[in-house]
Each structure stands twice: as C-alpha cells, then as structure tokens.
Amino acid sequence: TLFKEKGSPVTSVSCTVRGHAKNEVNEQSNRPGVSCNPLSQARQLIAEGVDFAIQVGLCLGHDILFTKEFSGDQTVFVVKDRRFAHSPLEGIPAAEQAFLTENTNKT
C-alpha cells in the first residue's frame, strides 16, 4: 500500500472481530454470517498501540460507534453505502469517467 511504501505502519482489523452470529443478535434473522463489531475494532487497534486511524468502509452508524470508542486521532477516508453494494470505492472510477466526459464535451 501507499502507506507502507512511505514507511508508515499499517494495521487492519476486520469489521467482524469478536462479532456474534447474526441470529444471536437478532433471533428473527435468517441471514448467515457474523455481525460487525465496531467497538471491538476500536479496542483491538488501541490494544495494538495504534495512535492514528483512517476509517475505510465502515457503515454509517458503525463509524459513529468506532469514533466514540477509539482514543487516538482519526479521520474518515470513505463511508460504506448501498449504492455500490457496500463497495464505495467502486464508484470512484465511475465518477472520474463522468467528470472527464462532462468536461470534455464543454468545448
């Protein structure tokens, strides 16, 4: 990654760290998988001595919980959304192409 290339340490924590099965959180859920746990994400980063966090792809709401729990400095790079099937970075090339097309046609 760019950060590693520039000599910055990088620590990643999965959103499901210490999560619970979705049907444990919501008994009526029939969805497979593990729920996200933004509080545990923050605690894991603190335990690993991280002093600056860049949030990438946390859901709205989960980012609020993470922000409240994490004690170091932090910023948000991108928030997850439903428009791009929870892959918000997928929209960047599309937005860039739309911008280029729009500005090319203004001659």
PDB file of N, CA and C in Angstrom:
ATOM      1  N   THR A   1       0.832  -1.198   0.000  1.00  0.00           N
ATOM      2  CA  THR A   1       0.000   0.000   0.000  1.00  0.00           C
ATOM      3  C   THR A   1       0.870   1.253   0.000  1.00  0.00           C
ATOM      4  N   LEU A   2       0.270   2.343  -0.314  1.00  0.00           N
ATOM      5  CA  LEU A   2       0.974   3.621  -0.328  1.00  0.00           C
ATOM      6  C   LEU A   2       1.568   3.939   1.038  1.00  0.00           C
ATOM      7  N   PHE A   3       0.820   3.669   2.093  1.00  0.00           N
ATOM      8  CA  PHE A   3       1.309   3.973   3.435  1.00  0.00           C
ATOM      9  C   PHE A   3       2.553   3.158   3.764  1.00  0.00           C
ATOM     10  N   LYS A   4       2.528   1.874   3.436  1.00  0.00           N
ATOM     11  CA  LYS A   4       3.694   1.019   3.686  1.00  0.00           C
ATOM     12  C   LYS A   4       4.887   1.473   2.858  1.00  0.00           C
ATOM     13  N   GLU A   5       4.642   1.837   1.604  1.00  0.00           N
ATOM     14  CA  GLU A   5       5.725   2.312   0.736  1.00  0.00           C
ATOM     15  C   GLU A   5       6.396   3.555   1.302  1.00  0.00           C
ATOM     16  N   LYS A   6       5.641   4.377   2.010  1.00  0.00           N
ATOM     17  CA  LYS A   6       6.184   5.607   2.598  1.00  0.00           C
ATOM     18  C   LYS A   6       6.721   5.383   4.013  1.00  0.00           C
ATOM     19  N   GLY A   7       6.723   4.117   4.462  1.00  0.00           N
ATOM     20  CA  GLY A   7       7.289   3.788   5.765  1.00  0.00           C
ATOM     21  C   GLY A   7       6.342   3.870   6.939  1.00  0.00           C
ATOM     22  N   SER A   8       5.061   4.028   6.698  1.00  0.00           N
ATOM     23  CA  SER A   8       4.087   4.080   7.789  1.00  0.00           C
ATOM     24  C   SER A   8       3.586   2.679   8.100  1.00  0.00           C
ATOM     25  N   PRO A   9       3.525   2.321   9.377  1.00  0.00           N
ATOM     26  CA  PRO A   9       2.979   1.006   9.718  1.00  0.00           C
ATOM     27  C   PRO A   9       1.475   0.970   9.438  1.00  0.00           C
ATOM     28  N   VAL A  10       0.994  -0.175   9.014  1.00  0.00           N
ATOM     29  CA  VAL A  10      -0.427  -0.351   8.705  1.00  0.00           C
ATOM     30  C   VAL A  10      -0.968  -1.520   9.519  1.00  0.00           C
ATOM     31  N   THR A  11      -2.067  -1.296  10.205  1.00  0.00           N
ATOM     32  CA  THR A  11      -2.750  -2.336  10.965  1.00  0.00           C
ATOM     33  C   THR A  11      -4.193  -2.372  10.492  1.00  0.00           C
ATOM     34  N   SER A  12      -4.653  -3.539  10.084  1.00  0.00           N
ATOM     35  CA  SER A  12      -6.042  -3.693   9.638  1.00  0.00           C
ATOM     36  C   SER A  12      -6.790  -4.565  10.630  1.00  0.00           C
ATOM     37  N   VAL A  13      -8.044  -4.229  10.862  1.00  0.00           N
ATOM     38  CA  VAL A  13      -8.891  -5.022  11.746  1.00  0.00           C
ATOM     39  C   VAL A  13     -10.209  -5.266  11.027  1.00  0.00           C
ATOM     40  N   SER A  14     -10.591  -6.521  10.908  1.00  0.00           N
ATOM     41  CA  SER A  14     -11.853  -6.892  10.265  1.00  0.00           C
ATOM     42  C   SER A  14     -13.034  -6.316  11.039  1.00  0.00           C
ATOM     43  N   CYS A  15     -14.079  -5.970  10.318  1.00  0.00           N
ATOM     44  CA  CYS A  15     -15.268  -5.422  10.982  1.00  0.00           C
ATOM     45  C   CYS A  15     -15.957  -6.458  11.868  1.00  0.00           C
ATOM     46  N   THR A  16     -15.663  -7.732  11.660  1.00  0.00           N
ATOM     47  CA  THR A  16     -16.340  -8.776  12.435  1.00  0.00           C
ATOM     48  C   THR A  16     -15.506  -9.274  13.614  1.00  0.00           C
ATOM     49  N   VAL A  17     -14.421  -8.575  13.956  1.00  0.00           N
ATOM     50  CA  VAL A  17     -13.595  -9.006  15.080  1.00  0.00           C
ATOM     51  C   VAL A  17     -14.458  -9.104  16.340  1.00  0.00           C
ATOM     52  N   ARG A  18     -14.415 -10.270  16.964  1.00  0.00           N
ATOM     53  CA  ARG A  18     -15.213 -10.571  18.158  1.00  0.00           C
ATOM     54  C   ARG A  18     -16.707 -10.301  17.949  1.00  0.00           C
ATOM     55  N   GLY A  19     -17.179 -10.479  16.732  1.00  0.00           N
ATOM     56  CA  GLY A  19     -18.603 -10.310  16.424  1.00  0.00           C
ATOM     57  C   GLY A  19     -19.401 -11.534  16.850  1.00  0.00           C
ATOM     58  N   HIS A  20     -20.687 -11.462  16.689  1.00  0.00           N
ATOM     59  CA  HIS A  20     -21.590 -12.554  17.047  1.00  0.00           C
ATOM     60  C   HIS A  20     -22.360 -12.988  15.806  1.00  0.00           C
ATOM     61  N   ALA A  21     -22.789 -14.228  15.798  1.00  0.00           N
ATOM     62  CA  ALA A  21     -23.625 -14.702  14.695  1.00  0.00           C
ATOM     63  C   ALA A  21     -24.850 -13.795  14.608  1.00  0.00           C
ATOM     64  N   LYS A  22     -25.252 -13.490  13.386  1.00  0.00           N
ATOM     65  CA  LYS A  22     -26.365 -12.548  13.193  1.00  0.00           C
ATOM     66  C   LYS A  22     -27.641 -13.014  13.882  1.00  0.00           C
ATOM     67  N   ASN A  23     -27.877 -14.326  13.914  1.00  0.00           N
ATOM     68  CA  ASN A  23     -29.093 -14.813  14.571  1.00  0.00           C
ATOM     69  C   ASN A  23     -28.985 -14.761  16.098  1.00  0.00           C
ATOM     70  N   GLU A  24     -27.779 -14.555  16.650  1.00  0.00           N
ATOM     71  CA  GLU A  24     -27.634 -14.336  18.090  1.00  0.00           C
ATOM     72  C   GLU A  24     -28.014 -12.898  18.447  1.00  0.00           C
ATOM     73  N   VAL A  25     -27.730 -11.983  17.555  1.00  0.00           N
ATOM     74  CA  VAL A  25     -28.042 -10.573  17.775  1.00  0.00           C
ATOM     75  C   VAL A  25     -29.520 -10.315  17.517  1.00  0.00           C
ATOM     76  N   ASN A  26     -30.058 -10.960  16.489  1.00  0.00           N
ATOM     77  CA  ASN A  26     -31.458 -10.813  16.103  1.00  0.00           C
ATOM     78  C   ASN A  26     -32.014 -12.210  15.845  1.00  0.00           C
ATOM     79  N   GLU A  27     -32.766 -12.734  16.791  1.00  0.00           N
ATOM     80  CA  GLU A  27     -33.278 -14.103  16.694  1.00  0.00           C
ATOM     81  C   GLU A  27     -34.128 -14.328  15.451  1.00  0.00           C
ATOM     82  N   GLN A  28     -34.716 -13.281  14.901  1.00  0.00           N
ATOM     83  CA  GLN A  28     -35.567 -13.421  13.724  1.00  0.00           C
ATOM     84  C   GLN A  28     -34.768 -13.404  12.425  1.00  0.00           C
ATOM     85  N   SER A  29     -33.475 -13.153  12.523  1.00  0.00           N
ATOM     86  CA  SER A  29     -32.638 -13.091  11.325  1.00  0.00           C
ATOM     87  C   SER A  29     -32.367 -14.492  10.791  1.00  0.00           C
ATOM     88  N   ASN A  30     -32.493 -14.636   9.489  1.00  0.00           N
ATOM     89  CA  ASN A  30     -32.133 -15.902   8.860  1.00  0.00           C
ATOM     90  C   ASN A  30     -30.919 -15.707   7.954  1.00  0.00           C
ATOM     91  N   ARG A  31     -30.238 -14.596   8.117  1.00  0.00           N
ATOM     92  CA  ARG A  31     -29.056 -14.302   7.314  1.00  0.00           C
ATOM     93  C   ARG A  31     -27.839 -14.988   7.925  1.00  0.00           C
ATOM     94  N   PRO A  32     -27.041 -15.620   7.102  1.00  0.00           N
ATOM     95  CA  PRO A  32     -25.814 -16.235   7.617  1.00  0.00           C
ATOM     96  C   PRO A  32     -24.758 -15.166   7.878  1.00  0.00           C
ATOM     97  N   GLY A  33     -23.755 -15.525   8.634  1.00  0.00           N
ATOM     98  CA  GLY A  33     -22.634 -14.619   8.823  1.00  0.00           C
ATOM     99  C   GLY A  33     -22.534 -14.069  10.226  1.00  0.00           C
ATOM    100  N   VAL A  34     -21.546 -13.216  10.395  1.00  0.00           N
ATOM    101  CA  VAL A  34     -21.227 -12.630  11.689  1.00  0.00           C
ATOM    102  C   VAL A  34     -21.499 -11.130  11.624  1.00  0.00           C
ATOM    103  N   SER A  35     -22.039 -10.600  12.701  1.00  0.00           N
ATOM    104  CA  SER A  35     -22.328  -9.164  12.741  1.00  0.00           C
ATOM    105  C   SER A  35     -21.040  -8.360  12.906  1.00  0.00           C
ATOM    106  N   CYS A  36     -21.070  -7.141  12.442  1.00  0.00           N
ATOM    107  CA  CYS A  36     -19.931  -6.235  12.615  1.00  0.00           C
ATOM    108  C   CYS A  36     -19.841  -5.810  14.080  1.00  0.00           C
ATOM    109  N   ASN A  37     -18.644  -5.462  14.500  1.00  0.00           N
ATOM    110  CA  ASN A  37     -18.438  -5.052  15.879  1.00  0.00           C
ATOM    111  C   ASN A  37     -17.455  -3.873  15.925  1.00  0.00           C
ATOM    112  N   PRO A  38     -17.931  -2.661  15.629  1.00  0.00           N
ATOM    113  CA  PRO A  38     -17.033  -1.511  15.576  1.00  0.00           C
ATOM    114  C   PRO A  38     -16.378  -1.179  16.915  1.00  0.00           C
ATOM    115  N   LEU A  39     -17.029  -1.507  18.024  1.00  0.00           N
ATOM    116  CA  LEU A  39     -16.416  -1.266  19.330  1.00  0.00           C
ATOM    117  C   LEU A  39     -15.183  -2.145  19.509  1.00  0.00           C
ATOM    118  N   SER A  40     -15.292  -3.410  19.111  1.00  0.00           N
ATOM    119  CA  SER A  40     -14.133  -4.306  19.201  1.00  0.00           C
ATOM    120  C   SER A  40     -13.045  -3.919  18.211  1.00  0.00           C
ATOM    121  N   GLN A  41     -13.429  -3.394  17.053  1.00  0.00           N
ATOM    122  CA  GLN A  41     -12.420  -2.899  16.110  1.00  0.00           C
ATOM    123  C   GLN A  41     -11.575  -1.813  16.779  1.00  0.00           C
ATOM    124  N   ALA A  42     -12.231  -0.864  17.400  1.00  0.00           N
ATOM    125  CA  ALA A  42     -11.521   0.231  18.066  1.00  0.00           C
ATOM    126  C   ALA A  42     -10.653  -0.298  19.198  1.00  0.00           C
ATOM    127  N   ARG A  43     -11.195  -1.197  20.004  1.00  0.00           N
ATOM    128  CA  ARG A  43     -10.438  -1.750  21.130  1.00  0.00           C
ATOM    129  C   ARG A  43      -9.223  -2.536  20.659  1.00  0.00           C
ATOM    130  N   GLN A  44      -9.360  -3.260  19.556  1.00  0.00           N
ATOM    131  CA  GLN A  44      -8.234  -4.020  19.005  1.00  0.00           C
ATOM    132  C   GLN A  44      -7.120  -3.080  18.554  1.00  0.00           C
ATOM    133  N   LEU A  45      -7.476  -2.005  17.892  1.00  0.00           N
ATOM    134  CA  LEU A  45      -6.467  -1.036  17.453  1.00  0.00           C
ATOM    135  C   LEU A  45      -5.772  -0.378  18.642  1.00  0.00           C
ATOM    136  N   ILE A  46      -6.528  -0.064  19.673  1.00  0.00           N
ATOM    137  CA  ILE A  46      -5.942   0.512  20.890  1.00  0.00           C
ATOM    138  C   ILE A  46      -4.972  -0.488  21.508  1.00  0.00           C
ATOM    139  N   ALA A  47      -5.385  -1.762  21.591  1.00  0.00           N
ATOM    140  CA  ALA A  47      -4.533  -2.808  22.165  1.00  0.00           C
ATOM    141  C   ALA A  47      -3.236  -2.980  21.380  1.00  0.00           C
ATOM    142  N   GLU A  48      -3.282  -2.719  20.080  1.00  0.00           N
ATOM    143  CA  GLU A  48      -2.091  -2.849  19.240  1.00  0.00           C
ATOM    144  C   GLU A  48      -1.259  -1.572  19.205  1.00  0.00           C
ATOM    145  N   GLY A  49      -1.670  -0.565  19.963  1.00  0.00           N
ATOM    146  CA  GLY A  49      -0.891   0.658  20.076  1.00  0.00           C
ATOM    147  C   GLY A  49      -1.049   1.633  18.923  1.00  0.00           C
ATOM    148  N   VAL A  50      -2.114   1.502  18.170  1.00  0.00           N
ATOM    149  CA  VAL A  50      -2.359   2.414  17.047  1.00  0.00           C
ATOM    150  C   VAL A  50      -2.757   3.779  17.602  1.00  0.00           C
ATOM    151  N   ASP A  51      -2.119   4.832  17.104  1.00  0.00           N
ATOM    152  CA  ASP A  51      -2.446   6.170  17.593  1.00  0.00           C
ATOM    153  C   ASP A  51      -3.144   7.043  16.552  1.00  0.00           C
ATOM    154  N   PHE A  52      -3.247   6.554  15.316  1.00  0.00           N
ATOM    155  CA  PHE A  52      -3.959   7.289  14.268  1.00  0.00           C
ATOM    156  C   PHE A  52      -4.677   6.279  13.382  1.00  0.00           C
ATOM    157  N   ALA A  53      -5.984   6.439  13.232  1.00  0.00           N
ATOM    158  CA  ALA A  53      -6.787   5.502  12.442  1.00  0.00           C
ATOM    159  C   ALA A  53      -7.416   6.216  11.257  1.00  0.00           C
ATOM    160  N   ILE A  54      -7.406   5.536  10.126  1.00  0.00           N
ATOM    161  CA  ILE A  54      -8.099   6.012   8.934  1.00  0.00           C
ATOM    162  C   ILE A  54      -9.233   5.029   8.672  1.00  0.00           C
ATOM    163  N   GLN A  55     -10.458   5.493   8.833  1.00  0.00           N
ATOM    164  CA  GLN A  55     -11.609   4.620   8.612  1.00  0.00           C
ATOM    165  C   GLN A  55     -11.839   4.442   7.115  1.00  0.00           C
ATOM    166  N   VAL A  56     -11.961   3.189   6.715  1.00  0.00           N
ATOM    167  CA  VAL A  56     -12.236   2.866   5.312  1.00  0.00           C
ATOM    168  C   VAL A  56     -13.400   1.888   5.277  1.00  0.00           C
ATOM    169  N   GLY A  57     -14.530   2.334   4.788  1.00  0.00           N
ATOM    170  CA  GLY A  57     -15.652   1.442   4.537  1.00  0.00           C
ATOM    171  C   GLY A  57     -16.490   1.032   5.727  1.00  0.00           C
ATOM    172  N   LEU A  58     -16.452   1.776   6.827  1.00  0.00           N
ATOM    173  CA  LEU A  58     -17.364   1.458   7.920  1.00  0.00           C
ATOM    174  C   LEU A  58     -18.757   1.965   7.553  1.00  0.00           C
ATOM    175  N   CYS A  59     -19.762   1.222   7.958  1.00  0.00           N
ATOM    176  CA  CYS A  59     -21.138   1.645   7.715  1.00  0.00           C
ATOM    177  C   CYS A  59     -21.452   2.892   8.542  1.00  0.00           C
ATOM    178  N   LEU A  60     -22.349   3.710   8.025  1.00  0.00           N
ATOM    179  CA  LEU A  60     -22.817   4.860   8.782  1.00  0.00           C
ATOM    180  C   LEU A  60     -23.487   4.331  10.049  1.00  0.00           C
ATOM    181  N   GLY A  61     -23.162   4.856  11.148  1.00  0.00           N
ATOM    182  CA  GLY A  61     -23.642   4.351  12.442  1.00  0.00           C
ATOM    183  C   GLY A  61     -22.530   3.573  13.115  1.00  0.00           C
ATOM    184  N   HIS A  62     -21.958   2.613  12.398  1.00  0.00           N
ATOM    185  CA  HIS A  62     -20.816   1.877  12.931  1.00  0.00           C
ATOM    186  C   HIS A  62     -19.628   2.819  13.067  1.00  0.00           C
ATOM    187  N   ASP A  63     -19.493   3.746  12.121  1.00  0.00           N
ATOM    188  CA  ASP A  63     -18.395   4.716  12.206  1.00  0.00           C
ATOM    189  C   ASP A  63     -18.545   5.606  13.435  1.00  0.00           C
ATOM    190  N   ILE A  64     -19.779   5.900  13.812  1.00  0.00           N
ATOM    191  CA  ILE A  64     -20.023   6.728  14.996  1.00  0.00           C
ATOM    192  C   ILE A  64     -19.588   5.990  16.256  1.00  0.00           C
ATOM    193  N   LEU A  65     -19.943   4.707  16.343  1.00  0.00           N
ATOM    194  CA  LEU A  65     -19.534   3.901  17.498  1.00  0.00           C
ATOM    195  C   LEU A  65     -18.016   3.766  17.564  1.00  0.00           C
ATOM    196  N   PHE A  66     -17.394   3.520  16.412  1.00  0.00           N
ATOM    197  CA  PHE A  66     -15.938   3.405  16.358  1.00  0.00           C
ATOM    198  C   PHE A  66     -15.289   4.704  16.836  1.00  0.00           C
ATOM    199  N   THR A  67     -15.771   5.828  16.326  1.00  0.00           N
ATOM    200  CA  THR A  67     -15.218   7.137  16.675  1.00  0.00           C
ATOM    201  C   THR A  67     -15.309   7.398  18.173  1.00  0.00           C
ATOM    202  N   LYS A  68     -16.420   7.021  18.767  1.00  0.00           N
ATOM    203  CA  LYS A  68     -16.603   7.236  20.201  1.00  0.00           C
ATOM    204  C   LYS A  68     -15.640   6.368  21.015  1.00  0.00           C
ATOM    205  N   GLU A  69     -15.381   5.152  20.558  1.00  0.00           N
ATOM    206  CA  GLU A  69     -14.579   4.197  21.330  1.00  0.00           C
ATOM    207  C   GLU A  69     -13.075   4.371  21.138  1.00  0.00           C
ATOM    208  N   PHE A  70     -12.642   4.750  19.946  1.00  0.00           N
ATOM    209  CA  PHE A  70     -11.209   4.842  19.658  1.00  0.00           C
ATOM    210  C   PHE A  70     -10.624   6.087  20.313  1.00  0.00           C
ATOM    211  N   SER A  71      -9.522   5.915  21.044  1.00  0.00           N
ATOM    212  CA  SER A  71      -8.969   7.026  21.822  1.00  0.00           C
ATOM    213  C   SER A  71      -7.934   7.865  21.074  1.00  0.00           C
ATOM    214  N   GLY A  72      -7.457   7.382  19.937  1.00  0.00           N
ATOM    215  CA  GLY A  72      -6.450   8.130  19.188  1.00  0.00           C
ATOM    216  C   GLY A  72      -7.071   9.084  18.184  1.00  0.00           C
ATOM    217  N   ASP A  73      -6.201   9.747  17.448  1.00  0.00           N
ATOM    218  CA  ASP A  73      -6.663  10.614  16.367  1.00  0.00           C
ATOM    219  C   ASP A  73      -7.197   9.754  15.230  1.00  0.00           C
ATOM    220  N   GLN A  74      -8.107  10.316  14.455  1.00  0.00           N
ATOM    221  CA  GLN A  74      -8.692   9.536  13.364  1.00  0.00           C
ATOM    222  C   GLN A  74      -9.291  10.442  12.304  1.00  0.00           C
ATOM    223  N   THR A  75      -9.473   9.851  11.144  1.00  0.00           N
ATOM    224  CA  THR A  75     -10.140  10.528  10.044  1.00  0.00           C
ATOM    225  C   THR A  75     -10.897   9.478   9.240  1.00  0.00           C
ATOM    226  N   VAL A  76     -11.783   9.931   8.384  1.00  0.00           N
ATOM    227  CA  VAL A  76     -12.576   9.025   7.549  1.00  0.00           C
ATOM    228  C   VAL A  76     -12.137   9.196   6.103  1.00  0.00           C
ATOM    229  N   PHE A  77     -11.783   8.094   5.461  1.00  0.00           N
ATOM    230  CA  PHE A  77     -11.428   8.134   4.047  1.00  0.00           C
ATOM    231  C   PHE A  77     -12.656   7.909   3.181  1.00  0.00           C
ATOM    232  N   VAL A  78     -13.450   6.897   3.516  1.00  0.00           N
ATOM    233  CA  VAL A  78     -14.661   6.601   2.747  1.00  0.00           C
ATOM    234  C   VAL A  78     -15.646   5.846   3.642  1.00  0.00           C
ATOM    235  N   VAL A  79     -16.937   6.177   3.495  1.00  0.00           N
ATOM    236  CA  VAL A  79     -18.008   5.525   4.252  1.00  0.00           C
ATOM    237  C   VAL A  79     -18.725   4.558   3.325  1.00  0.00           C
ATOM    238  N   LYS A  80     -19.084   3.414   3.848  1.00  0.00           N
ATOM    239  CA  LYS A  80     -19.788   2.405   3.056  1.00  0.00           C
ATOM    240  C   LYS A  80     -21.183   2.900   2.693  1.00  0.00           C
ATOM    241  N   ASP A  81     -21.655   2.517   1.510  1.00  0.00           N
ATOM    242  CA  ASP A  81     -23.009   2.885   1.101  1.00  0.00           C
ATOM    243  C   ASP A  81     -23.641   1.740   0.318  1.00  0.00           C
ATOM    244  N   ARG A  82     -24.934   1.844   0.121  1.00  0.00           N
ATOM    245  CA  ARG A  82     -25.659   0.789  -0.601  1.00  0.00           C
ATOM    246  C   ARG A  82     -25.625   0.986  -2.112  1.00  0.00           C
ATOM    247  N   ARG A  83     -25.338   2.192  -2.558  1.00  0.00           N
ATOM    248  CA  ARG A  83     -25.340   2.478  -4.000  1.00  0.00           C
ATOM    249  C   ARG A  83     -24.406   1.565  -4.770  1.00  0.00           C
ATOM    250  N   PHE A  84     -23.263   1.276  -4.200  1.00  0.00           N
ATOM    251  CA  PHE A  84     -22.284   0.423  -4.862  1.00  0.00           C
ATOM    252  C   PHE A  84     -22.132  -0.911  -4.136  1.00  0.00           C
ATOM    253  N   ALA A  85     -23.241  -1.451  -3.635  1.00  0.00           N
ATOM    254  CA  ALA A  85     -23.271  -2.770  -2.986  1.00  0.00           C
ATOM    255  C   ALA A  85     -22.223  -2.864  -1.875  1.00  0.00           C
ATOM    256  N   HIS A  86     -22.158  -1.858  -1.044  1.00  0.00           N
ATOM    257  CA  HIS A  86     -21.220  -1.798   0.083  1.00  0.00           C
ATOM    258  C   HIS A  86     -19.765  -1.817  -0.362  1.00  0.00           C
ATOM    259  N   SER A  87     -19.497  -1.393  -1.575  1.00  0.00           N
ATOM    260  CA  SER A  87     -18.133  -1.258  -2.099  1.00  0.00           C
ATOM    261  C   SER A  87     -17.965   0.174  -2.606  1.00  0.00           C
ATOM    262  N   PRO A  88     -17.903   1.152  -1.697  1.00  0.00           N
ATOM    263  CA  PRO A  88     -17.939   2.548  -2.115  1.00  0.00           C
ATOM    264  C   PRO A  88     -16.797   2.966  -3.028  1.00  0.00           C
ATOM    265  N   LEU A  89     -15.663   2.318  -2.948  1.00  0.00           N
ATOM    266  CA  LEU A  89     -14.551   2.688  -3.825  1.00  0.00           C
ATOM    267  C   LEU A  89     -14.827   2.319  -5.275  1.00  0.00           C
ATOM    268  N   GLU A  90     -15.816   1.465  -5.518  1.00  0.00           N
ATOM    269  CA  GLU A  90     -16.197   1.124  -6.887  1.00  0.00           C
ATOM    270  C   GLU A  90     -16.720   2.352  -7.628  1.00  0.00           C
ATOM    271  N   GLY A  91     -17.254   3.310  -6.905  1.00  0.00           N
ATOM    272  CA  GLY A  91     -17.814   4.494  -7.538  1.00  0.00           C
ATOM    273  C   GLY A  91     -16.786   5.510  -7.984  1.00  0.00           C
ATOM    274  N   ILE A  92     -15.568   5.402  -7.510  1.00  0.00           N
ATOM    275  CA  ILE A  92     -14.554   6.400  -7.858  1.00  0.00           C
ATOM    276  C   ILE A  92     -14.219   6.388  -9.348  1.00  0.00           C
ATOM    277  N   PRO A  93     -13.934   5.238  -9.968  1.00  0.00           N
ATOM    278  CA  PRO A  93     -13.677   5.272 -11.414  1.00  0.00           C
ATOM    279  C   PRO A  93     -14.880   5.781 -12.210  1.00  0.00           C
ATOM    280  N   ALA A  94     -16.086   5.420 -11.792  1.00  0.00           N
ATOM    281  CA  ALA A  94     -17.286   5.877 -12.496  1.00  0.00           C
ATOM    282  C   ALA A  94     -17.431   7.393 -12.378  1.00  0.00           C
ATOM    283  N   ALA A  95     -17.176   7.928 -11.205  1.00  0.00           N
ATOM    284  CA  ALA A  95     -17.271   9.378 -11.008  1.00  0.00           C
ATOM    285  C   ALA A  95     -16.200  10.098 -11.812  1.00  0.00           C
ATOM    286  N   GLU A  96     -15.005   9.533 -11.835  1.00  0.00           N
ATOM    287  CA  GLU A  96     -13.921  10.149 -12.605  1.00  0.00           C
ATOM    288  C   GLU A  96     -14.263  10.173 -14.092  1.00  0.00           C
ATOM    289  N   GLN A  97     -14.801   9.063 -14.600  1.00  0.00           N
ATOM    290  CA  GLN A  97     -15.161   8.994 -16.013  1.00  0.00           C
ATOM    291  C   GLN A  97     -16.277   9.989 -16.337  1.00  0.00           C
ATOM    292  N   ALA A  98     -17.259  10.099 -15.459  1.00  0.00           N
ATOM    293  CA  ALA A  98     -18.351  11.052 -15.681  1.00  0.00           C
ATOM    294  C   ALA A  98     -17.819  12.481 -15.692  1.00  0.00           C
ATOM    295  N   PHE A  99     -16.897  12.790 -14.785  1.00  0.00           N
ATOM    296  CA  PHE A  99     -16.299  14.126 -14.737  1.00  0.00           C
ATOM    297  C   PHE A  99     -15.533  14.424 -16.023  1.00  0.00           C
ATOM    298  N   LEU A 100     -14.730  13.462 -16.474  1.00  0.00           N
ATOM    299  CA  LEU A 100     -13.945  13.663 -17.694  1.00  0.00           C
ATOM    300  C   LEU A 100     -14.847  13.838 -18.907  1.00  0.00           C
ATOM    301  N   THR A 101     -15.895  13.012 -18.995  1.00  0.00           N
ATOM    302  CA  THR A 101     -16.821  13.091 -20.121  1.00  0.00           C
ATOM    303  C   THR A 101     -17.537  14.437 -20.126  1.00  0.00           C
ATOM    304  N   GLU A 102     -18.008  14.853 -18.965  1.00  0.00           N
ATOM    305  CA  GLU A 102     -18.735  16.118 -18.855  1.00  0.00           C
ATOM    306  C   GLU A 102     -17.845  17.296 -19.246  1.00  0.00           C
ATOM    307  N   ASN A 103     -16.616  17.305 -18.795  1.00  0.00           N
ATOM    308  CA  ASN A 103     -15.718  18.430 -19.069  1.00  0.00           C
ATOM    309  C   ASN A 103     -15.118  18.386 -20.468  1.00  0.00           C
ATOM    310  N   THR A 104     -15.053  17.222 -21.082  1.00  0.00           N
ATOM    311  CA  THR A 104     -14.547  17.110 -22.449  1.00  0.00           C
ATOM    312  C   THR A 104     -15.560  17.661 -23.440  1.00  0.00           C
ATOM    313  N   ASN A 105     -16.835  17.513 -23.142  1.00  0.00           N
ATOM    314  CA  ASN A 105     -17.896  17.951 -24.047  1.00  0.00           C
ATOM    315  C   ASN A 105     -18.188  19.445 -23.958  1.00  0.00           C
ATOM    316  N   LYS A 106     -17.445  20.202 -23.167  1.00  0.00           N
ATOM    317  CA  LYS A 106     -17.706  21.639 -22.984  1.00  0.00           C
ATOM    318  C   LYS A 106     -16.841  22.497 -23.900  1.00  0.00           C
ATOM    319  N   THR A 107     -16.476  22.015 -25.059  1.00  0.00           N
ATOM    320  CA  THR A 107     -15.630  22.797 -25.972  1.00  0.00           C
ATOM    321  C   THR A 107     -16.430  23.731 -26.831  1.00  0.00           C
TER     322      THR A 107
END
